[in-house]
């Protein structure tokens, strides 16, 4: 079994630049003739959300301990099996479809208004 830091990861930064989401994919493995489940780990990091962008020594030591023990310094994480990951994917696709539909409607309305203004 691979360690988390050896797996493929993607990092997504919050627009406020104070949190970070790490998405890590654990591929299924053959364990004694059985294929294990695959998982997606969603880990949340915070960095710099305090006024002076410094962490207290307690927080720093906690991060160091997590790194030494688990290989990653996350504050919180969620592990998603295939079914839950598919549910998240469908939801994100639905949100994106709504956004694209609204954008399309706004473009059509703007084009219609521009057409009337030119005529």
Protein backbone atom coordinates (compact mmCIF):
# COMPACT_ATOMS: atom_id res chain seq x y z
CA UNK A 1 0.00 0.00 0.00
CA UNK A 2 1.32 3.41 -0.98
CA UNK A 3 1.69 6.23 1.51
CA UNK A 4 -0.60 9.21 0.95
CA UNK A 5 2.27 11.45 -0.12
CA UNK A 6 3.20 8.92 -2.86
CA UNK A 7 -0.26 9.00 -4.47
CA UNK A 8 -1.44 11.29 -7.25
CA UNK A 9 -2.75 14.58 -5.84
CA UNK A 10 -4.35 17.78 -7.04
CA UNK A 11 -4.37 21.02 -5.05
CA UNK A 12 -7.19 23.57 -5.22
CA UNK A 13 -6.66 26.93 -3.53
CA UNK A 14 -9.51 28.90 -2.02
CA UNK A 15 -10.17 32.26 -3.67
CA UNK A 16 -9.47 33.95 -0.34
CA UNK A 17 -5.95 32.39 -0.36
CA UNK A 18 -6.21 31.13 3.22
CA UNK A 19 -7.28 27.52 2.70
CA UNK A 20 -6.25 24.74 0.38
CA UNK A 21 -8.00 21.53 -0.67
CA UNK A 22 -5.83 18.52 -1.50
CA UNK A 23 -7.49 15.77 -3.53
CA UNK A 24 -5.61 12.46 -3.45
CA UNK A 25 -6.62 9.33 -5.37
CA UNK A 26 -5.83 5.88 -3.99
CA UNK A 27 -5.99 3.34 -6.77
CA UNK A 28 -7.48 -0.09 -6.08
CA UNK A 29 -4.93 -2.77 -5.23
CA UNK A 30 -4.93 -6.55 -5.61
CA UNK A 31 -4.80 -7.91 -2.07
CA UNK A 32 -4.66 -11.68 -2.03
CA UNK A 33 -6.78 -12.05 -5.16
CA UNK A 34 -9.33 -9.42 -4.08
CA UNK A 35 -9.44 -5.93 -5.50
CA UNK A 36 -9.61 -3.28 -2.79
CA UNK A 37 -11.88 -0.26 -2.99
CA UNK A 38 -10.51 2.92 -4.48
CA UNK A 39 -10.75 6.11 -2.45
CA UNK A 40 -10.45 9.83 -2.84
CA UNK A 41 -9.02 11.68 0.15
CA UNK A 42 -10.10 15.30 0.50
CA UNK A 43 -7.79 17.07 2.91
CA UNK A 44 -8.22 20.64 4.09
CA UNK A 45 -5.34 22.90 4.97
CA UNK A 46 -5.40 26.38 6.39
CA UNK A 47 -2.51 28.72 5.94
CA UNK A 48 -2.39 32.37 6.67
CA UNK A 49 -5.93 33.18 7.72
CA UNK A 50 -4.72 35.05 10.77
CA UNK A 51 -3.95 38.76 10.57
CA UNK A 52 -0.19 38.28 10.79
CA UNK A 53 -0.15 35.00 8.76
CA UNK A 54 1.65 33.16 11.55
CA UNK A 55 0.60 30.03 13.40
CA UNK A 56 0.95 29.54 17.12
CA UNK A 57 3.68 27.15 18.25
CA UNK A 58 0.99 24.67 19.30
CA UNK A 59 -0.38 24.60 15.74
CA UNK A 60 3.09 24.30 14.26
CA UNK A 61 3.97 21.36 16.52
CA UNK A 62 0.65 19.71 15.71
CA UNK A 63 1.40 19.98 11.98
CA UNK A 64 4.90 18.58 12.49
CA UNK A 65 3.49 15.66 14.49
CA UNK A 66 0.96 14.87 11.73
CA UNK A 67 3.68 15.00 9.09
CA UNK A 68 5.96 12.67 11.07
CA UNK A 69 3.16 10.25 11.93
CA UNK A 70 0.98 10.26 8.80
CA UNK A 71 3.04 11.96 6.12
CA UNK A 72 0.62 14.90 5.71
CA UNK A 73 -0.24 17.94 7.86
CA UNK A 74 -3.98 18.29 7.22
CA UNK A 75 -6.40 19.72 9.74
CA UNK A 76 -9.44 17.83 8.47
CA UNK A 77 -10.06 15.28 5.77
CA UNK A 78 -12.83 13.30 4.14
CA UNK A 79 -12.38 9.89 2.53
CA UNK A 80 -14.82 9.12 -0.30
CA UNK A 81 -15.61 5.67 -1.64
CA UNK A 82 -16.68 5.30 -5.27
CA UNK A 83 -20.41 5.79 -4.59
CA UNK A 84 -19.93 9.01 -2.62
CA UNK A 85 -17.33 10.30 -5.08
CA UNK A 86 -19.82 9.76 -7.94
CA UNK A 87 -22.49 11.62 -5.97
CA UNK A 88 -20.08 14.55 -5.50
CA UNK A 89 -19.15 14.47 -9.19
CA UNK A 90 -22.81 14.52 -10.27
CA UNK A 91 -23.53 17.43 -7.96
CA UNK A 92 -20.57 19.43 -9.26
CA UNK A 93 -21.64 18.70 -12.85
CA UNK A 94 -25.19 19.86 -12.03
CA UNK A 95 -23.84 23.10 -10.57
CA UNK A 96 -21.69 23.68 -13.66
CA UNK A 97 -24.63 22.96 -15.99
CA UNK A 98 -26.74 25.55 -14.13
CA UNK A 99 -23.93 28.10 -14.40
CA UNK A 100 -23.53 27.48 -18.12
CA UNK A 101 -27.30 27.72 -18.69
CA UNK A 102 -27.48 31.08 -16.87
CA UNK A 103 -24.46 32.32 -18.83
CA UNK A 104 -26.11 31.24 -22.09
CA UNK A 105 -29.37 33.02 -21.14
CA UNK A 106 -27.49 36.20 -20.23
CA UNK A 107 -25.61 36.12 -23.54
CA UNK A 108 -28.85 35.64 -25.50
CA UNK A 109 -30.50 38.54 -23.66
CA UNK A 110 -27.47 40.78 -24.23
CA UNK A 111 -27.37 39.86 -27.93
CA UNK A 112 -31.11 40.51 -28.22
CA UNK A 113 -30.72 43.91 -26.52
CA UNK A 114 -27.76 44.78 -28.79
CA UNK A 115 -29.84 43.81 -31.84
CA UNK A 116 -32.69 46.11 -30.79
CA UNK A 117 -30.27 48.96 -30.07
CA UNK A 118 -28.71 48.69 -33.53
CA UNK A 119 -32.06 48.53 -35.35
